[in-house]
Each structure stands twice: as structure tokens, then as C-alpha cells.
Amino acid sequence: MHSLIAVQVAFCRPQLPVYWDQIAENLRKIPGVEKVALTGWPILSGESNVSDVAMSGGPPSEVLTELERISPGWAGTMKIPFLGGRDFRPGETNPGVAIVNQAFALLYFKGQDPTGQWFEFVSGAKPRVRVQIVGFVPNARTWDMRRTIRPTAFIPFFNSQPVSRGTFVVRTTRPDPLALASSLRQAVSAGNPQFFVENIRSQVELDGSQTVRERLLAILAIFFAAVALLLAGIGLYGVLDYSVLQRRREIGIRLAIGARAGEIARRVTFEVFAMVIAGAIAGLALGMVSVRYIETLFFQVRATDPAALALPSLTIVVVATAAALPAVIHALRTDVIKALRSE
């Protein structure tokens, strides 16, 4: 997705496919452009079109089917593999053929490969349009990042009428596809001066627009977690340093009779680390118990993922170690003579 850019193009009057194909060829000639395809609108842009679908002359399904207009090569440009069937052929128009996703196959064909099957688009009192399935692809989020993926039928970008608006999906070989924005604009105008670019956005930008709320909450959570860790670290440092001050005579005696540095460090930090580890274990246990209540807050991450559980615990231990280090150094640098002379 990092090398994709969506070029939304419009024209004051609908244009025949030959003009759109001419622009696509101009875009492919730009250095750094790998693949070009057409679609009605960028995926995850918030735009959507739905239709009722029926099987074998039956009643329309209660579940709406999402429609996406695409050109041949769109799936390859988006790196969506085919599970069965084929891509659209040049010259195929809508209506007539369609490519469907797994959600569509699960709803109407019990998850089996539906290639070669037929279905009908239903639109009120208008005659039903019969369509043959020629391709089968995995589920991909095309409309909303949060909601369940709907049954989707991909139909040819062009129909019997000229088209006035569309989006060129361009896959580049550069890590920053927006660097080609100026060249892409010029290529669109060179194809036909009356074409104009409405918007150019990278797919990363489109994806980010779907997760603004989640990213803001994540930033706030990280900020408050960092503040909590800082306060906890300062508190641990204060408690340990005061403990070393209170026990300096004991520490001085142990150093005088030959206690090793490791033994002194263990005695200084044992109680604190015992509490920290006990707290981490209690937190993990509480988290495991509440998995079914918090799992809905995660996206494509398991609440019981070992890395997600181990990282916070490890962070707490690291902070505790950093807070204990000055106190341990203070204890090891205790002046034995002064400590023995003090009451």
C-alpha cells in the first residue's frame, strides 16, 4: 500500500473508453510507474455504492451487495490474488460479468468457488440484470475499516455509456508515490486538456483517514502511560534511596565483613522487585480474565498475543531496574567508616 497513489479525474462531459485508455497509457510512460488501473473511487475513501442481488430468479437478498467498478488489471495493481476464475478482459463492459469476493461466495454459495455461476442485480421496478461470475478474490476492505466486510461484486468500469468521472490507481516503484504527483497531473492533461485532476492522494493517506480516532486514542494512551511510568519510576527511586539511607549502618557492616556487590544489590532491591513482579503477574492474570470483554477493542490483534502481553511487563521491569540503579550505586558507595561511626 505504501507505493500506491490514487488520481481522481473528472471531465465536464462523459467520455468514451478510448480517451480514458489514452490517459492510462500516458501514466504508464512516466518513469517510476509500475502499473495503472481504473476504478470508480479509491478504496477506503468513504464512497460506496450498493445494490440488491437475487439468485435464480428468487427474491432479493436482505443483505446489500457493494458494487465496485474496476478495469482489467485493477486486482493485480492492488496485489489482490485470484482464488478462482480470471480477471476482466479488455472490451468487457457492465452489465454482463462480475468478480466477487469471499463474503459474497459465503453468503450465496456456501463459501465455494462461484466462478461460472449467475446472479441478478435487482433495482426496484426495473428489469433484472443477469450477470455471470468470472472471477473470485479474497475479502479486501474497500469502504470502511471498522465494519464487517460486505459481499462485494466487482463490475467492469465501462458500460454502454461514456464515463465522466473515475480514479486511476497507480502503483509506483518509489517509496514516496506523491513525488510523482506533478508528473501524473501533467500526463492527465496531456491525454486530453479537458480532463482535470480533482485530487491526488496516496493510499497510506486514505488508510490514515479511516483511523484518525484510533490513532488519537493511541497517542493519548501512550502519553498517559509514559507519565504513569515516569511517576512510578520516580516513586521507586525515592523509596529505594530512602531505604538505603535508613540502612546505611547495616550496609556498612556487611561491606566491612566482605559482602559482595551482588549481595548488597539483592538485599536493597529484593522487596521492591518482588512487588513489581507480583503486580505484573496480577495484571496479566486480570487481563486474561477480562479478554472476552476487551477483545472487541482490538483490530486484527489477539488480546492473548504473547508479544502484546510480554512487552508491557518487560517495560515495567526495565523502568523498575532503571529506578533501582541509582539506589544500588548509592549503597555500594557507602563509606564504611562513616557508616560504622554513626548511631
Protein backbone atom coordinates (compact mmCIF):
# COMPACT_ATOMS: atom_id res chain seq x y z
CA MET A 1 0.00 0.00 0.00
CA HIS A 2 2.95 2.36 0.55
CA SER A 3 3.64 2.65 -3.20
CA LEU A 4 0.03 3.27 -4.30
CA ILE A 5 -1.40 6.63 -5.31
CA ALA A 6 -4.99 7.44 -6.34
CA VAL A 7 -5.51 10.06 -9.05
CA GLN A 8 -9.16 11.16 -9.16
CA VAL A 9 -10.01 12.52 -12.60
CA ALA A 10 -13.17 14.21 -13.89
CA PHE A 11 -14.41 15.63 -17.16
CA CYS A 12 -17.11 18.18 -17.83
CA ARG A 13 -18.79 15.76 -20.25
CA PRO A 14 -18.79 11.94 -20.24
CA GLN A 15 -16.03 10.46 -22.39
CA LEU A 16 -15.67 7.21 -24.32
CA PRO A 17 -13.31 4.46 -23.05
CA VAL A 18 -10.71 5.31 -25.71
CA TYR A 19 -9.96 8.64 -24.00
CA TRP A 20 -9.58 7.01 -20.59
CA ASP A 21 -7.29 4.36 -22.09
CA GLN A 22 -5.18 7.10 -23.65
CA ILE A 23 -4.62 8.73 -20.26
CA ALA A 24 -3.77 5.36 -18.71
CA GLU A 25 -1.09 4.85 -21.38
CA ASN A 26 0.35 8.30 -20.70
CA LEU A 27 0.56 7.45 -16.99
CA ARG A 28 2.33 4.15 -17.68
CA LYS A 29 5.06 6.01 -19.61
CA ILE A 30 6.08 8.03 -16.55
CA PRO A 31 9.41 6.82 -15.05
CA GLY A 32 8.71 5.18 -11.71
CA VAL A 33 5.19 4.00 -12.60
CA GLU A 34 4.80 0.22 -12.43
CA LYS A 35 1.08 -0.42 -13.02
CA VAL A 36 -2.05 1.63 -13.75
CA ALA A 37 -5.72 0.66 -13.43
CA LEU A 38 -9.10 2.37 -13.27
CA THR A 39 -11.75 2.30 -10.57
CA GLY A 40 -14.78 4.35 -9.66
CA TRP A 41 -13.23 5.78 -6.48
CA PRO A 42 -10.25 4.99 -4.23
CA ILE A 43 -10.73 2.23 -1.72
CA LEU A 44 -11.30 3.41 1.86
CA SER A 45 -12.26 6.86 0.58
CA GLY A 46 -15.70 6.61 2.20
CA GLU A 47 -17.54 6.38 -1.12
CA SER A 48 -19.76 3.39 -1.71
CA ASN A 49 -22.46 2.01 -4.00
CA VAL A 50 -24.75 -0.89 -3.13
CA SER A 51 -27.36 -2.99 -4.89
CA ASP A 52 -29.87 -5.75 -4.19
CA VAL A 53 -28.89 -9.16 -5.50
CA ALA A 54 -31.04 -12.20 -6.27
CA MET A 55 -30.23 -15.81 -7.18
CA SER A 56 -32.02 -17.85 -9.87
CA GLY A 57 -34.98 -15.53 -10.12
CA GLY A 58 -35.60 -15.61 -6.38
CA PRO A 59 -36.37 -12.68 -4.09
CA PRO A 60 -33.69 -10.08 -3.39
CA SER A 61 -31.35 -10.86 -0.53
CA GLU A 62 -31.80 -8.92 2.70
CA VAL A 63 -28.05 -8.19 2.65
CA LEU A 64 -26.96 -5.42 0.29
CA THR A 65 -24.05 -6.11 -2.05
CA GLU A 66 -21.36 -3.50 -2.51
CA LEU A 67 -20.51 -2.62 -6.11
CA GLU A 68 -17.04 -1.59 -7.23
CA ARG A 69 -16.29 -0.54 -10.81
CA ILE A 70 -12.82 -1.65 -11.89
CA SER A 71 -10.81 -2.07 -15.08
CA PRO A 72 -8.79 -5.12 -16.13
CA GLY A 73 -5.59 -5.23 -14.08
CA TRP A 74 -7.03 -3.50 -11.01
CA ALA A 75 -6.67 -6.60 -8.81
CA GLY A 76 -3.06 -7.01 -9.92
CA THR A 77 -2.32 -3.34 -9.24
CA MET A 78 -3.78 -3.72 -5.73
CA LYS A 79 -1.96 -7.07 -5.33
CA ILE A 80 -5.21 -8.94 -4.70
CA PRO A 81 -4.75 -12.54 -5.86
CA PHE A 82 -7.42 -14.57 -7.64
CA LEU A 83 -8.76 -17.58 -5.78
CA GLY A 84 -10.53 -18.77 -8.91
CA GLY A 85 -11.57 -17.69 -12.38
CA ARG A 86 -9.99 -14.80 -14.24
CA ASP A 87 -9.67 -11.05 -14.48
CA PHE A 88 -11.84 -8.93 -16.77
CA ARG A 89 -10.81 -8.95 -20.41
CA PRO A 90 -10.29 -5.73 -22.40
CA GLY A 91 -13.57 -4.76 -24.00
CA GLU A 92 -15.81 -6.42 -21.40
CA THR A 93 -18.41 -3.96 -20.16
CA ASN A 94 -21.05 -3.74 -17.48
CA PRO A 95 -23.51 -5.41 -17.23
CA GLY A 96 -22.53 -8.93 -18.17
CA VAL A 97 -19.71 -10.20 -15.96
CA ALA A 98 -18.55 -9.73 -12.39
CA ILE A 99 -15.82 -10.72 -9.95
CA VAL A 100 -16.97 -11.48 -6.39
CA ASN A 101 -15.24 -11.71 -3.01
CA GLN A 102 -15.29 -14.42 -0.35
CA ALA A 103 -18.08 -12.73 1.63
CA PHE A 104 -20.29 -12.91 -1.48
CA ALA A 105 -19.41 -16.58 -2.02
CA LEU A 106 -20.06 -17.40 1.65
CA LEU A 107 -23.49 -15.76 1.59
CA TYR A 108 -24.77 -17.20 -1.69
CA PHE A 109 -22.62 -20.26 -2.46
CA LYS A 110 -21.65 -21.62 1.00
CA GLY A 111 -18.08 -20.41 0.54
CA GLN A 112 -17.43 -22.48 -2.59
CA ASP A 113 -15.75 -21.06 -5.69
CA PRO A 114 -18.67 -19.41 -7.55
CA THR A 115 -16.87 -18.98 -10.88
CA GLY A 116 -19.26 -19.70 -13.74
CA GLN A 117 -22.39 -19.13 -11.65
CA TRP A 118 -25.01 -16.47 -12.37
CA PHE A 119 -26.85 -13.89 -10.27
CA GLU A 120 -29.11 -10.90 -10.85
CA PHE A 121 -28.96 -7.23 -9.92
CA VAL A 122 -32.34 -6.00 -8.70
CA SER A 123 -33.24 -2.32 -8.93
CA GLY A 124 -36.86 -1.56 -8.00
CA ALA A 125 -39.31 -1.93 -10.87
CA LYS A 126 -36.55 -2.03 -13.50
CA PRO A 127 -35.85 -5.31 -15.29
CA ARG A 128 -33.37 -7.55 -13.54
CA VAL A 129 -29.85 -7.67 -14.96
CA ARG A 130 -28.32 -11.13 -15.19
CA VAL A 131 -24.57 -11.34 -14.57
CA GLN A 132 -22.08 -14.19 -14.77
CA ILE A 133 -19.30 -14.57 -12.20
CA VAL A 134 -15.95 -14.87 -13.97
CA GLY A 135 -13.57 -14.33 -11.03
CA PHE A 136 -13.24 -14.99 -7.30
CA VAL A 137 -10.98 -12.94 -4.98
CA PRO A 138 -10.25 -12.75 -1.23
CA ASN A 139 -12.01 -10.27 1.03
CA ALA A 140 -10.50 -6.78 0.99
CA ARG A 141 -11.68 -3.69 2.80
CA THR A 142 -12.89 -1.23 0.18
CA TRP A 143 -15.28 1.02 2.08
CA ASP A 144 -14.89 1.08 5.86
CA MET A 145 -12.04 -0.07 8.07
CA ARG A 146 -14.19 -0.81 11.11
CA ARG A 147 -17.29 -2.55 9.78
CA THR A 148 -17.61 -6.16 8.69
CA ILE A 149 -16.62 -6.72 5.07
CA ARG A 150 -19.76 -6.83 2.96
CA PRO A 151 -20.47 -9.10 -0.02
CA THR A 152 -18.82 -7.31 -2.92
CA ALA A 153 -19.27 -7.60 -6.67
CA PHE A 154 -16.61 -6.00 -8.87
CA ILE A 155 -18.04 -4.99 -12.24
CA PRO A 156 -16.32 -3.62 -15.38
CA PHE A 157 -15.50 0.09 -15.16
CA PHE A 158 -17.10 0.90 -18.51
CA ASN A 159 -20.67 0.28 -19.60
CA SER A 160 -22.56 1.17 -22.75
CA GLN A 161 -22.47 4.88 -21.82
CA PRO A 162 -19.48 7.28 -21.69
CA VAL A 163 -17.96 7.97 -18.26
CA SER A 164 -17.29 11.41 -16.77
CA ARG A 165 -15.50 10.53 -13.51
CA GLY A 166 -13.04 7.90 -12.36
CA THR A 167 -9.88 7.19 -10.41
CA PHE A 168 -6.57 5.97 -11.76
CA VAL A 169 -4.85 3.69 -9.26
CA VAL A 170 -1.11 3.93 -9.85
CA ARG A 171 1.47 1.59 -8.34
CA THR A 172 4.93 3.14 -8.30
CA THR A 173 8.42 1.83 -7.68
CA ARG A 174 9.18 4.69 -5.30
CA PRO A 175 8.73 4.65 -1.51
CA ASP A 176 7.07 8.09 -1.69
CA PRO A 177 4.49 7.91 -4.51
CA LEU A 178 3.42 11.54 -4.01
CA ALA A 179 6.78 12.57 -5.50
CA LEU A 180 5.21 11.74 -8.87
CA ALA A 181 2.11 13.90 -8.28
CA SER A 182 3.23 16.69 -10.61
CA SER A 183 4.12 14.27 -13.41
CA LEU A 184 0.80 12.47 -13.03
CA ARG A 185 -1.13 15.74 -13.31
CA GLN A 186 0.72 16.66 -16.49
CA ALA A 187 0.10 13.22 -18.00
CA VAL A 188 -3.64 13.51 -17.38
CA SER A 189 -3.82 16.90 -19.11
CA ALA A 190 -1.65 15.69 -21.97
CA GLY A 191 -4.16 12.95 -22.74
CA ASN A 192 -6.99 15.46 -23.10
CA PRO A 193 -6.76 19.12 -21.98
CA GLN A 194 -10.38 19.00 -20.86
CA PHE A 195 -9.64 16.30 -18.29
CA PHE A 196 -8.72 17.67 -14.88
CA VAL A 197 -7.42 16.13 -11.69
CA GLU A 198 -9.79 16.51 -8.75
CA ASN A 199 -7.49 15.05 -6.13
CA ILE A 200 -4.29 13.06 -5.69
CA ARG A 201 -3.85 11.03 -2.52
CA SER A 202 -1.60 8.19 -1.50
CA GLN A 203 -3.21 5.00 -0.25
CA VAL A 204 -1.41 5.48 3.05
CA GLU A 205 -3.19 8.83 3.43
CA LEU A 206 -6.55 7.23 2.62
CA ASP A 207 -5.93 4.45 5.13
CA GLY A 208 -4.91 7.01 7.74
CA SER A 209 -8.14 8.97 7.27
CA GLN A 210 -10.03 5.86 8.39
CA THR A 211 -8.08 5.55 11.63
CA VAL A 212 -7.85 9.13 12.93
CA ARG A 213 -9.85 8.34 16.07
CA GLU A 214 -7.87 5.20 16.84
CA ARG A 215 -4.51 6.92 16.31
CA LEU A 216 -5.54 9.83 18.53
CA LEU A 217 -6.62 7.45 21.29
CA ALA A 218 -3.37 5.52 20.89
CA ILE A 219 -1.30 8.71 21.20
CA LEU A 220 -3.21 9.74 24.32
CA ALA A 221 -2.83 6.27 25.79
CA ILE A 222 0.92 6.29 25.12
CA PHE A 223 1.24 9.76 26.68
CA PHE A 224 -0.59 8.84 29.88
CA ALA A 225 1.24 5.50 30.07
CA ALA A 226 4.57 7.33 29.78
CA VAL A 227 3.55 9.76 32.54
CA ALA A 228 2.45 6.86 34.73
CA LEU A 229 5.74 5.05 34.14
CA LEU A 230 7.71 8.22 34.92
CA LEU A 231 5.83 8.79 38.17
CA ALA A 232 6.20 5.13 39.13
CA GLY A 233 9.93 5.25 38.38
CA ILE A 234 10.41 8.42 40.45
CA GLY A 235 8.43 6.86 43.30
CA LEU A 236 10.51 3.68 43.23
CA TYR A 237 13.71 5.70 43.13
CA GLY A 238 12.62 7.76 46.14
CA VAL A 239 11.60 4.73 48.21
CA LEU A 240 14.79 2.79 47.44
CA ASP A 241 17.10 5.75 48.04
CA TYR A 242 15.43 6.46 51.38
CA SER A 243 15.69 2.77 52.25
CA VAL A 244 19.43 2.82 51.54
CA LEU A 245 19.79 5.92 53.74
CA GLN A 246 17.94 4.21 56.60
CA ARG A 247 20.00 1.03 56.28
CA ARG A 248 23.42 2.56 55.69
CA ARG A 249 24.80 1.21 59.02
CA GLU A 250 23.67 -2.31 58.12
CA ILE A 251 25.10 -1.93 54.63
CA GLY A 252 28.36 -0.59 56.06
CA ILE A 253 28.71 -3.59 58.38
CA ARG A 254 28.03 -6.05 55.53
CA LEU A 255 30.61 -4.31 53.34
CA ALA A 256 33.11 -4.36 56.22
CA ILE A 257 32.81 -8.12 56.67
CA GLY A 258 33.26 -8.70 52.92
CA ALA A 259 29.77 -8.79 51.42
CA ARG A 260 29.85 -8.80 47.64
CA ALA A 261 28.23 -6.12 45.44
CA GLY A 262 25.64 -8.58 44.12
CA GLU A 263 24.53 -9.48 47.63
CA ILE A 264 24.14 -5.81 48.59
CA ALA A 265 22.16 -5.08 45.39
CA ARG A 266 19.88 -8.06 46.02
CA ARG A 267 19.13 -7.01 49.60
CA VAL A 268 18.44 -3.42 48.56
CA THR A 269 16.08 -4.25 45.69
CA PHE A 270 14.53 -7.61 46.68
CA GLU A 271 11.33 -6.29 48.26
CA VAL A 272 10.68 -3.71 45.56
CA PHE A 273 11.24 -6.14 42.69
CA ALA A 274 9.09 -8.74 44.42
CA MET A 275 6.22 -6.23 44.50
CA VAL A 276 6.80 -5.21 40.88
CA ILE A 277 6.82 -8.81 39.64
CA ALA A 278 3.78 -9.68 41.74
CA GLY A 279 1.95 -6.67 40.30
CA ALA A 280 2.88 -7.65 36.73
CA ILE A 281 1.64 -11.21 37.28
CA ALA A 282 -1.59 -9.93 38.82
CA GLY A 283 -2.08 -7.56 35.88
CA LEU A 284 -1.55 -10.36 33.36
CA ALA A 285 -3.98 -12.61 35.22
CA LEU A 286 -6.60 -9.86 35.32
CA GLY A 287 -6.06 -9.20 31.61
CA MET A 288 -6.55 -12.86 30.74
CA VAL A 289 -9.76 -13.00 32.76
CA SER A 290 -11.17 -9.92 31.00
CA VAL A 291 -10.18 -10.99 27.46
CA ARG A 292 -13.72 -11.52 26.23
CA TYR A 293 -14.71 -8.04 27.39
CA ILE A 294 -11.83 -6.12 25.80
CA GLU A 295 -11.24 -8.21 22.66
CA THR A 296 -13.72 -6.12 20.65
CA LEU A 297 -11.45 -3.09 21.12
CA PHE A 298 -8.63 -4.72 19.13
CA PHE A 299 -8.30 -4.73 15.33
CA GLN A 300 -6.57 -7.74 13.77
CA VAL A 301 -4.72 -8.32 17.06
CA ARG A 302 -5.46 -11.09 19.55
CA ALA A 303 -5.81 -9.95 23.15
CA THR A 304 -3.81 -13.03 24.18
CA ASP A 305 -0.94 -12.37 21.76
CA PRO A 306 2.28 -13.25 23.67
CA ALA A 307 4.14 -10.19 22.35
CA ALA A 308 1.31 -7.86 23.40
CA LEU A 309 1.35 -9.36 26.91
CA ALA A 310 5.11 -9.59 27.34
CA LEU A 311 6.04 -6.09 26.15
CA PRO A 312 4.20 -4.13 28.91
CA SER A 313 5.55 -6.47 31.59
CA LEU A 314 9.08 -6.14 30.25
CA THR A 315 8.70 -2.33 30.12
CA ILE A 316 7.68 -2.23 33.79
CA VAL A 317 10.68 -4.35 34.79
CA VAL A 318 13.03 -2.13 32.77
CA VAL A 319 11.64 1.02 34.41
CA ALA A 320 11.96 -0.58 37.86
CA THR A 321 15.57 -1.55 37.09
CA ALA A 322 16.40 1.98 35.92
CA ALA A 323 14.81 3.41 39.09
CA ALA A 324 16.71 0.99 41.33
CA LEU A 325 20.11 1.55 39.72
CA PRO A 326 20.93 4.90 41.47
CA ALA A 327 19.96 3.44 44.86
CA VAL A 328 22.16 0.37 44.30
CA ILE A 329 25.10 2.58 43.29
CA HIS A 330 24.50 4.74 46.39
CA ALA A 331 24.53 1.62 48.57
CA LEU A 332 27.76 0.27 47.05
CA ARG A 333 29.48 3.62 47.54
CA THR A 334 28.64 3.72 51.23
CA ASP A 335 31.57 4.97 53.32
CA VAL A 336 32.12 2.05 55.71
CA ILE A 337 33.94 4.12 58.36
CA LYS A 338 31.29 6.85 58.46
CA ALA A 339 28.52 4.26 58.49
CA LEU A 340 30.06 2.38 61.46
CA ARG A 341 30.63 5.60 63.43
CA SER A 342 27.02 6.71 63.03
CA GLU A 343 24.47 5.70 65.61
